[in-house]
Amino acid sequence: MVLSTYVERTDTAFSADSLPTLAPQPARQNDSKDEQRAEKLSSAVATVAAMKLDSEPILIEEGLYVGSVGAACNKEALDRLGITHIVCVMAQWESPFPTEYTHHQIRIMDTTQASLLVHLDPAIEFVTKAREEGGRVLVHCFAGRSRSISVATAVLMKQHSISMDEALARLREKRPIMSPNPGFIEQLRRYEGMLLAERASERASEKRLEPTPAIQQADRDIS
């Protein structure tokens, strides 16, 4: 049974063992089976709540959507919107639709210490390739407010050669409840500097390849 079924069953009795979990946590030695089941149930209830409250992917621009875990579990919406690729930015989560979409996983927690920077270029490459091939991409985390927004910010920065602040402003128009954590903001600022340096290097290379005035004059004389 897929996760969307549980949205319809939140007011009915259910078994903790039958519910999907947000995070397939490894069992701890000191945990009793009852404690493990309680943790699984709590995780599943949180997932169901997210699905009920925030289950629609949000269009940012052509081919790029952001959302919560609820959006990632809403197969009706995914198919209606033509989503073909999914970027999941969660430390422990397995899609209920592993074969129906093309997936890219970024396994990080939503903490200020989490290392986001190393994941940005591979994620952007995944998103760019999907869109170039005519696909549509959902970038999601649990709440759709911090991790997914941070990745989407980097996508906009790179693809449109814009600043972090401008990218965040564009996202805020579409997703007002967004709230990237300060650690991600700091890393996005560093990524902005990396992109600026990259573009400056490209411009310098292009300038070196331009013919000098003397060569241009020689070409005119020959012609």
C-alpha atoms as a PDB file:
ATOM      1  CA  MET A   1       0.000   0.000   0.000  1.00  0.00           C
ATOM      2  CA  VAL A   2       1.479   3.355  -0.974  1.00  0.00           C
ATOM      3  CA  LEU A   3       1.753   6.247   1.448  1.00  0.00           C
ATOM      4  CA  SER A   4      -1.085   8.240  -0.080  1.00  0.00           C
ATOM      5  CA  THR A   5      -3.497   5.604   1.232  1.00  0.00           C
ATOM      6  CA  TYR A   6      -2.602   6.538   4.786  1.00  0.00           C
ATOM      7  CA  VAL A   7      -3.873  10.067   4.328  1.00  0.00           C
ATOM      8  CA  GLU A   8      -7.361   8.645   4.010  1.00  0.00           C
ATOM      9  CA  ARG A   9      -6.890   6.477   7.097  1.00  0.00           C
ATOM     10  CA  THR A  10      -5.609   8.973   9.640  1.00  0.00           C
ATOM     11  CA  ASP A  11      -8.875   8.786  11.614  1.00  0.00           C
ATOM     12  CA  THR A  12      -8.977   4.994  11.651  1.00  0.00           C
ATOM     13  CA  ALA A  13      -7.101   2.381  13.621  1.00  0.00           C
ATOM     14  CA  PHE A  14      -3.829   1.152  12.193  1.00  0.00           C
ATOM     15  CA  SER A  15      -0.892  -1.044  13.109  1.00  0.00           C
ATOM     16  CA  ALA A  16       2.483   0.514  13.842  1.00  0.00           C
ATOM     17  CA  ASP A  17       4.164  -2.361  12.046  1.00  0.00           C
ATOM     18  CA  SER A  18       2.261  -1.665   8.828  1.00  0.00           C
ATOM     19  CA  LEU A  19       3.035   2.039   8.572  1.00  0.00           C
ATOM     20  CA  PRO A  20       5.775   3.554   6.413  1.00  0.00           C
ATOM     21  CA  THR A  21       8.456   5.473   8.261  1.00  0.00           C
ATOM     22  CA  LEU A  22      10.279   8.682   7.568  1.00  0.00           C
ATOM     23  CA  ALA A  23      13.594   7.173   8.568  1.00  0.00           C
ATOM     24  CA  PRO A  24      14.501   3.507   8.633  1.00  0.00           C
ATOM     25  CA  GLN A  25      16.467   3.975  11.865  1.00  0.00           C
ATOM     26  CA  PRO A  26      18.936   1.247  12.904  1.00  0.00           C
ATOM     27  CA  ALA A  27      17.862  -0.479  16.086  1.00  0.00           C
ATOM     28  CA  ARG A  28      19.760   0.633  19.177  1.00  0.00           C
ATOM     29  CA  GLN A  29      20.934  -2.061  21.562  1.00  0.00           C
ATOM     30  CA  ASN A  30      19.136  -0.600  24.559  1.00  0.00           C
ATOM     31  CA  ASP A  31      15.841  -0.025  22.774  1.00  0.00           C
ATOM     32  CA  SER A  32      13.042  -2.437  23.495  1.00  0.00           C
ATOM     33  CA  LYS A  33      10.817  -3.614  20.672  1.00  0.00           C
ATOM     34  CA  ASP A  34       8.011  -1.456  22.058  1.00  0.00           C
ATOM     35  CA  GLU A  35      10.251   1.626  21.962  1.00  0.00           C
ATOM     36  CA  GLN A  36      11.267   0.872  18.387  1.00  0.00           C
ATOM     37  CA  ARG A  37       7.629   0.427  17.362  1.00  0.00           C
ATOM     38  CA  ALA A  38       6.706   3.683  19.112  1.00  0.00           C
ATOM     39  CA  GLU A  39       9.471   5.506  17.232  1.00  0.00           C
ATOM     40  CA  LYS A  40       8.276   4.016  13.958  1.00  0.00           C
ATOM     41  CA  LEU A  41       4.692   5.015  14.693  1.00  0.00           C
ATOM     42  CA  SER A  42       5.692   8.570  15.620  1.00  0.00           C
ATOM     43  CA  SER A  43       7.671   8.916  12.401  1.00  0.00           C
ATOM     44  CA  ALA A  44       4.798   7.577  10.332  1.00  0.00           C
ATOM     45  CA  VAL A  45       2.267   9.908  11.953  1.00  0.00           C
ATOM     46  CA  ALA A  46       4.544  12.872  11.215  1.00  0.00           C
ATOM     47  CA  THR A  47       4.703  11.770   7.586  1.00  0.00           C
ATOM     48  CA  VAL A  48       0.926  11.492   7.343  1.00  0.00           C
ATOM     49  CA  ALA A  49       0.504  14.947   8.878  1.00  0.00           C
ATOM     50  CA  ALA A  50       2.889  16.440   6.334  1.00  0.00           C
ATOM     51  CA  MET A  51       1.028  14.709   3.530  1.00  0.00           C
ATOM     52  CA  LYS A  52      -2.309  16.126   4.636  1.00  0.00           C
ATOM     53  CA  LEU A  53      -1.123  19.680   5.206  1.00  0.00           C
ATOM     54  CA  ASP A  54       1.297  20.251   2.327  1.00  0.00           C
ATOM     55  CA  SER A  55       0.903  17.785  -0.515  1.00  0.00           C
ATOM     56  CA  GLU A  56       1.132  19.872  -3.689  1.00  0.00           C
ATOM     57  CA  PRO A  57       4.442  20.481  -5.525  1.00  0.00           C
ATOM     58  CA  ILE A  58       5.081  24.220  -5.945  1.00  0.00           C
ATOM     59  CA  LEU A  59       6.066  25.462  -9.404  1.00  0.00           C
ATOM     60  CA  ILE A  60       9.138  27.712  -9.268  1.00  0.00           C
ATOM     61  CA  GLU A  61       9.773  27.971 -12.989  1.00  0.00           C
ATOM     62  CA  GLU A  62       9.334  25.755 -16.031  1.00  0.00           C
ATOM     63  CA  GLY A  63      10.433  22.249 -15.123  1.00  0.00           C
ATOM     64  CA  LEU A  64      11.359  23.010 -11.493  1.00  0.00           C
ATOM     65  CA  TYR A  65       9.164  22.357  -8.455  1.00  0.00           C
ATOM     66  CA  VAL A  66       9.788  22.332  -4.702  1.00  0.00           C
ATOM     67  CA  GLY A  67       7.807  20.718  -1.938  1.00  0.00           C
ATOM     68  CA  SER A  68       7.561  18.694   1.225  1.00  0.00           C
ATOM     69  CA  VAL A  69       7.565  14.950   1.735  1.00  0.00           C
ATOM     70  CA  GLY A  70       3.815  15.186   1.282  1.00  0.00           C
ATOM     71  CA  ALA A  71       4.306  16.414  -2.274  1.00  0.00           C
ATOM     72  CA  ALA A  72       6.776  13.600  -2.940  1.00  0.00           C
ATOM     73  CA  CYS A  73       4.167  11.054  -1.798  1.00  0.00           C
ATOM     74  CA  ASN A  74       1.293  12.556  -3.783  1.00  0.00           C
ATOM     75  CA  LYS A  75       1.423  10.406  -6.898  1.00  0.00           C
ATOM     76  CA  GLU A  76      -1.718  11.934  -8.337  1.00  0.00           C
ATOM     77  CA  ALA A  77      -0.121  15.391  -8.266  1.00  0.00           C
ATOM     78  CA  LEU A  78       3.258  14.141  -9.490  1.00  0.00           C
ATOM     79  CA  ASP A  79       1.665  12.528 -12.527  1.00  0.00           C
ATOM     80  CA  ARG A  80      -0.765  15.392 -13.139  1.00  0.00           C
ATOM     81  CA  LEU A  81       2.125  17.874 -13.214  1.00  0.00           C
ATOM     82  CA  GLY A  82       4.302  15.624 -15.355  1.00  0.00           C
ATOM     83  CA  ILE A  83       7.051  15.207 -12.765  1.00  0.00           C
ATOM     84  CA  THR A  84       9.701  12.844 -14.113  1.00  0.00           C
ATOM     85  CA  HIS A  85      12.625  13.365 -11.723  1.00  0.00           C
ATOM     86  CA  ILE A  86      12.806  13.749  -7.938  1.00  0.00           C
ATOM     87  CA  VAL A  87      15.623  15.188  -5.823  1.00  0.00           C
ATOM     88  CA  CYS A  88      15.207  14.090  -2.204  1.00  0.00           C
ATOM     89  CA  VAL A  89      17.145  16.115   0.379  1.00  0.00           C
ATOM     90  CA  MET A  90      16.621  13.999   3.492  1.00  0.00           C
ATOM     91  CA  ALA A  91      19.046  11.948   5.542  1.00  0.00           C
ATOM     92  CA  GLN A  92      16.827   8.877   5.732  1.00  0.00           C
ATOM     93  CA  TRP A  93      13.944   8.467   3.346  1.00  0.00           C
ATOM     94  CA  GLU A  94      13.047   5.987   0.665  1.00  0.00           C
ATOM     95  CA  SER A  95      10.548   6.995  -1.998  1.00  0.00           C
ATOM     96  CA  PRO A  96       7.352   4.936  -2.149  1.00  0.00           C
ATOM     97  CA  PHE A  97       7.766   5.114  -5.941  1.00  0.00           C
ATOM     98  CA  PRO A  98      11.354   3.960  -6.521  1.00  0.00           C
ATOM     99  CA  THR A  99      10.876   2.832 -10.126  1.00  0.00           C
ATOM    100  CA  GLU A 100       8.318   5.304 -11.430  1.00  0.00           C
ATOM    101  CA  TYR A 101      10.569   8.377 -11.361  1.00  0.00           C
ATOM    102  CA  THR A 102      14.277   9.066 -11.737  1.00  0.00           C
ATOM    103  CA  HIS A 103      15.754   9.847  -8.322  1.00  0.00           C
ATOM    104  CA  HIS A 104      18.712  11.760  -6.904  1.00  0.00           C
ATOM    105  CA  GLN A 105      19.339  11.511  -3.158  1.00  0.00           C
ATOM    106  CA  ILE A 106      21.119  14.032  -0.926  1.00  0.00           C
ATOM    107  CA  ARG A 107      21.379  12.476   2.514  1.00  0.00           C
ATOM    108  CA  ILE A 108      21.757  15.372   4.934  1.00  0.00           C
ATOM    109  CA  MET A 109      19.988  16.538   8.076  1.00  0.00           C
ATOM    110  CA  ASP A 110      18.435  19.973   8.438  1.00  0.00           C
ATOM    111  CA  THR A 111      21.091  21.267  10.836  1.00  0.00           C
ATOM    112  CA  THR A 112      23.483  24.193  10.704  1.00  0.00           C
ATOM    113  CA  GLN A 113      26.392  21.733  10.755  1.00  0.00           C
ATOM    114  CA  ALA A 114      25.194  19.708   7.746  1.00  0.00           C
ATOM    115  CA  SER A 115      27.490  19.857   4.720  1.00  0.00           C
ATOM    116  CA  LEU A 116      25.369  21.007   1.783  1.00  0.00           C
ATOM    117  CA  LEU A 117      28.029  22.590  -0.414  1.00  0.00           C
ATOM    118  CA  VAL A 118      29.549  19.336  -1.686  1.00  0.00           C
ATOM    119  CA  HIS A 119      26.159  18.176  -2.938  1.00  0.00           C
ATOM    120  CA  LEU A 120      25.208  21.254  -4.951  1.00  0.00           C
ATOM    121  CA  ASP A 121      27.003  20.693  -8.257  1.00  0.00           C
ATOM    122  CA  PRO A 122      25.873  17.045  -8.634  1.00  0.00           C
ATOM    123  CA  ALA A 123      22.292  18.060  -7.822  1.00  0.00           C
ATOM    124  CA  ILE A 124      22.386  20.958 -10.278  1.00  0.00           C
ATOM    125  CA  GLU A 125      23.794  18.677 -12.963  1.00  0.00           C
ATOM    126  CA  PHE A 126      20.947  16.215 -12.334  1.00  0.00           C
ATOM    127  CA  VAL A 127      18.302  18.950 -12.523  1.00  0.00           C
ATOM    128  CA  THR A 128      19.834  20.588 -15.592  1.00  0.00           C
ATOM    129  CA  LYS A 129      20.084  17.328 -17.536  1.00  0.00           C
ATOM    130  CA  ALA A 130      16.511  16.390 -16.682  1.00  0.00           C
ATOM    131  CA  ARG A 131      15.145  19.745 -17.841  1.00  0.00           C
ATOM    132  CA  GLU A 132      17.230  19.745 -21.012  1.00  0.00           C
ATOM    133  CA  GLU A 133      15.660  16.395 -21.861  1.00  0.00           C
ATOM    134  CA  GLY A 134      12.179  17.830 -21.357  1.00  0.00           C
ATOM    135  CA  GLY A 135      11.675  16.473 -17.849  1.00  0.00           C
ATOM    136  CA  ARG A 136      10.198  18.130 -14.787  1.00  0.00           C
ATOM    137  CA  VAL A 137      11.927  17.967 -11.429  1.00  0.00           C
ATOM    138  CA  LEU A 138      10.600  18.047  -7.873  1.00  0.00           C
ATOM    139  CA  VAL A 139      13.144  19.010  -5.206  1.00  0.00           C
ATOM    140  CA  HIS A 140      11.803  18.047  -1.792  1.00  0.00           C
ATOM    141  CA  CYS A 141      12.788  17.634   1.838  1.00  0.00           C
ATOM    142  CA  PHE A 142      10.561  16.885   4.830  1.00  0.00           C
ATOM    143  CA  ALA A 143       8.929  20.283   5.315  1.00  0.00           C
ATOM    144  CA  GLY A 144       9.851  21.864   1.978  1.00  0.00           C
ATOM    145  CA  ARG A 145      11.239  24.899   3.755  1.00  0.00           C
ATOM    146  CA  SER A 146      14.990  24.566   4.299  1.00  0.00           C
ATOM    147  CA  ARG A 147      16.945  21.796   2.579  1.00  0.00           C
ATOM    148  CA  SER A 148      14.952  21.664  -0.656  1.00  0.00           C
ATOM    149  CA  ILE A 149      14.796  25.456  -0.840  1.00  0.00           C
ATOM    150  CA  SER A 150      18.573  25.657  -0.411  1.00  0.00           C
ATOM    151  CA  VAL A 151      19.167  23.256  -3.302  1.00  0.00           C
ATOM    152  CA  ALA A 152      16.641  25.072  -5.491  1.00  0.00           C
ATOM    153  CA  THR A 153      18.374  28.356  -4.650  1.00  0.00           C
ATOM    154  CA  ALA A 154      21.667  26.972  -5.935  1.00  0.00           C
ATOM    155  CA  VAL A 155      19.952  25.747  -9.113  1.00  0.00           C
ATOM    156  CA  LEU A 156      18.609  29.231  -9.849  1.00  0.00           C
ATOM    157  CA  MET A 157      21.932  30.889  -9.007  1.00  0.00           C
ATOM    158  CA  LYS A 158      23.882  28.701 -11.403  1.00  0.00           C
ATOM    159  CA  GLN A 159      21.411  28.470 -14.266  1.00  0.00           C
ATOM    160  CA  HIS A 160      20.504  32.161 -14.334  1.00  0.00           C
ATOM    161  CA  SER A 161      23.814  33.674 -13.142  1.00  0.00           C
ATOM    162  CA  ILE A 162      22.032  35.519 -10.341  1.00  0.00           C
ATOM    163  CA  SER A 163      22.923  36.285  -6.733  1.00  0.00           C
ATOM    164  CA  MET A 164      21.824  34.224  -3.776  1.00  0.00           C
ATOM    165  CA  ASP A 165      19.580  37.047  -2.604  1.00  0.00           C
ATOM    166  CA  GLU A 166      17.810  37.267  -5.956  1.00  0.00           C
ATOM    167  CA  ALA A 167      17.353  33.503  -6.115  1.00  0.00           C
ATOM    168  CA  LEU A 168      15.904  33.460  -2.603  1.00  0.00           C
ATOM    169  CA  ALA A 169      13.568  36.318  -3.496  1.00  0.00           C
ATOM    170  CA  ARG A 170      12.243  34.389  -6.495  1.00  0.00           C
ATOM    171  CA  LEU A 171      11.650  31.341  -4.340  1.00  0.00           C
ATOM    172  CA  ARG A 172       9.996  33.337  -1.571  1.00  0.00           C
ATOM    173  CA  GLU A 173       7.417  34.624  -4.063  1.00  0.00           C
ATOM    174  CA  LYS A 174       6.376  31.049  -4.774  1.00  0.00           C
ATOM    175  CA  ARG A 175       7.004  29.511  -1.344  1.00  0.00           C
ATOM    176  CA  PRO A 176       6.509  32.191   1.354  1.00  0.00           C
ATOM    177  CA  ILE A 177       6.935  29.699   4.210  1.00  0.00           C
ATOM    178  CA  MET A 178      10.502  28.881   3.146  1.00  0.00           C
ATOM    179  CA  SER A 179      13.169  29.187   5.842  1.00  0.00           C
ATOM    180  CA  PRO A 180      16.660  27.870   4.990  1.00  0.00           C
ATOM    181  CA  ASN A 181      18.713  27.362   8.126  1.00  0.00           C
ATOM    182  CA  PRO A 182      21.651  29.753   8.760  1.00  0.00           C
ATOM    183  CA  GLY A 183      24.234  27.076   8.016  1.00  0.00           C
ATOM    184  CA  PHE A 184      22.805  26.552   4.535  1.00  0.00           C
ATOM    185  CA  ILE A 185      22.662  30.308   3.930  1.00  0.00           C
ATOM    186  CA  GLU A 186      26.347  30.567   4.811  1.00  0.00           C
ATOM    187  CA  GLN A 187      27.205  27.746   2.404  1.00  0.00           C
ATOM    188  CA  LEU A 188      25.080  29.263  -0.357  1.00  0.00           C
ATOM    189  CA  ARG A 189      26.967  32.527   0.125  1.00  0.00           C
ATOM    190  CA  ARG A 190      30.219  30.620  -0.335  1.00  0.00           C
ATOM    191  CA  TYR A 191      28.768  28.946  -3.409  1.00  0.00           C
ATOM    192  CA  GLU A 192      27.872  32.381  -4.773  1.00  0.00           C
ATOM    193  CA  GLY A 193      31.533  33.366  -4.462  1.00  0.00           C
ATOM    194  CA  MET A 194      32.590  30.177  -6.228  1.00  0.00           C
ATOM    195  CA  LEU A 195      30.218  30.896  -9.113  1.00  0.00           C
ATOM    196  CA  LEU A 196      31.479  34.473  -9.406  1.00  0.00           C
ATOM    197  CA  ALA A 197      35.073  33.234  -9.549  1.00  0.00           C
ATOM    198  CA  GLU A 198      34.104  30.622 -12.136  1.00  0.00           C
ATOM    199  CA  ARG A 199      32.415  33.207 -14.353  1.00  0.00           C
ATOM    200  CA  ALA A 200      35.367  35.593 -13.997  1.00  0.00           C
ATOM    201  CA  SER A 201      37.725  32.810 -15.068  1.00  0.00           C
ATOM    202  CA  GLU A 202      35.553  32.024 -18.085  1.00  0.00           C
ATOM    203  CA  ARG A 203      35.515  35.688 -19.118  1.00  0.00           C
ATOM    204  CA  ALA A 204      39.294  35.875 -18.773  1.00  0.00           C
ATOM    205  CA  SER A 205      39.698  32.780 -20.943  1.00  0.00           C
ATOM    206  CA  GLU A 206      37.411  34.210 -23.601  1.00  0.00           C
ATOM    207  CA  LYS A 207      39.327  37.469 -23.555  1.00  0.00           C
ATOM    208  CA  ARG A 208      42.626  35.657 -24.053  1.00  0.00           C
ATOM    209  CA  LEU A 209      41.169  33.940 -27.100  1.00  0.00           C
ATOM    210  CA  GLU A 210      40.101  37.217 -28.707  1.00  0.00           C
ATOM    211  CA  PRO A 211      42.418  38.346 -31.548  1.00  0.00           C
ATOM    212  CA  THR A 212      44.641  41.304 -30.750  1.00  0.00           C
ATOM    213  CA  PRO A 213      44.183  44.586 -32.676  1.00  0.00           C
ATOM    214  CA  ALA A 214      47.311  43.774 -34.710  1.00  0.00           C
ATOM    215  CA  ILE A 215      45.902  40.410 -35.769  1.00  0.00           C
ATOM    216  CA  GLN A 216      42.558  41.987 -36.592  1.00  0.00           C
ATOM    217  CA  GLN A 217      44.324  44.575 -38.784  1.00  0.00           C
ATOM    218  CA  ALA A 218      46.347  41.842 -40.504  1.00  0.00           C
ATOM    219  CA  ASP A 219      43.157  39.956 -41.260  1.00  0.00           C
ATOM    220  CA  ARG A 220      41.621  43.076 -42.784  1.00  0.00           C
ATOM    221  CA  ASP A 221      44.723  43.669 -44.898  1.00  0.00           C
ATOM    222  CA  ILE A 222      44.622  40.111 -46.212  1.00  0.00           C
ATOM    223  CA  SER A 223      40.962  40.290 -47.061  1.00  0.00           C
END
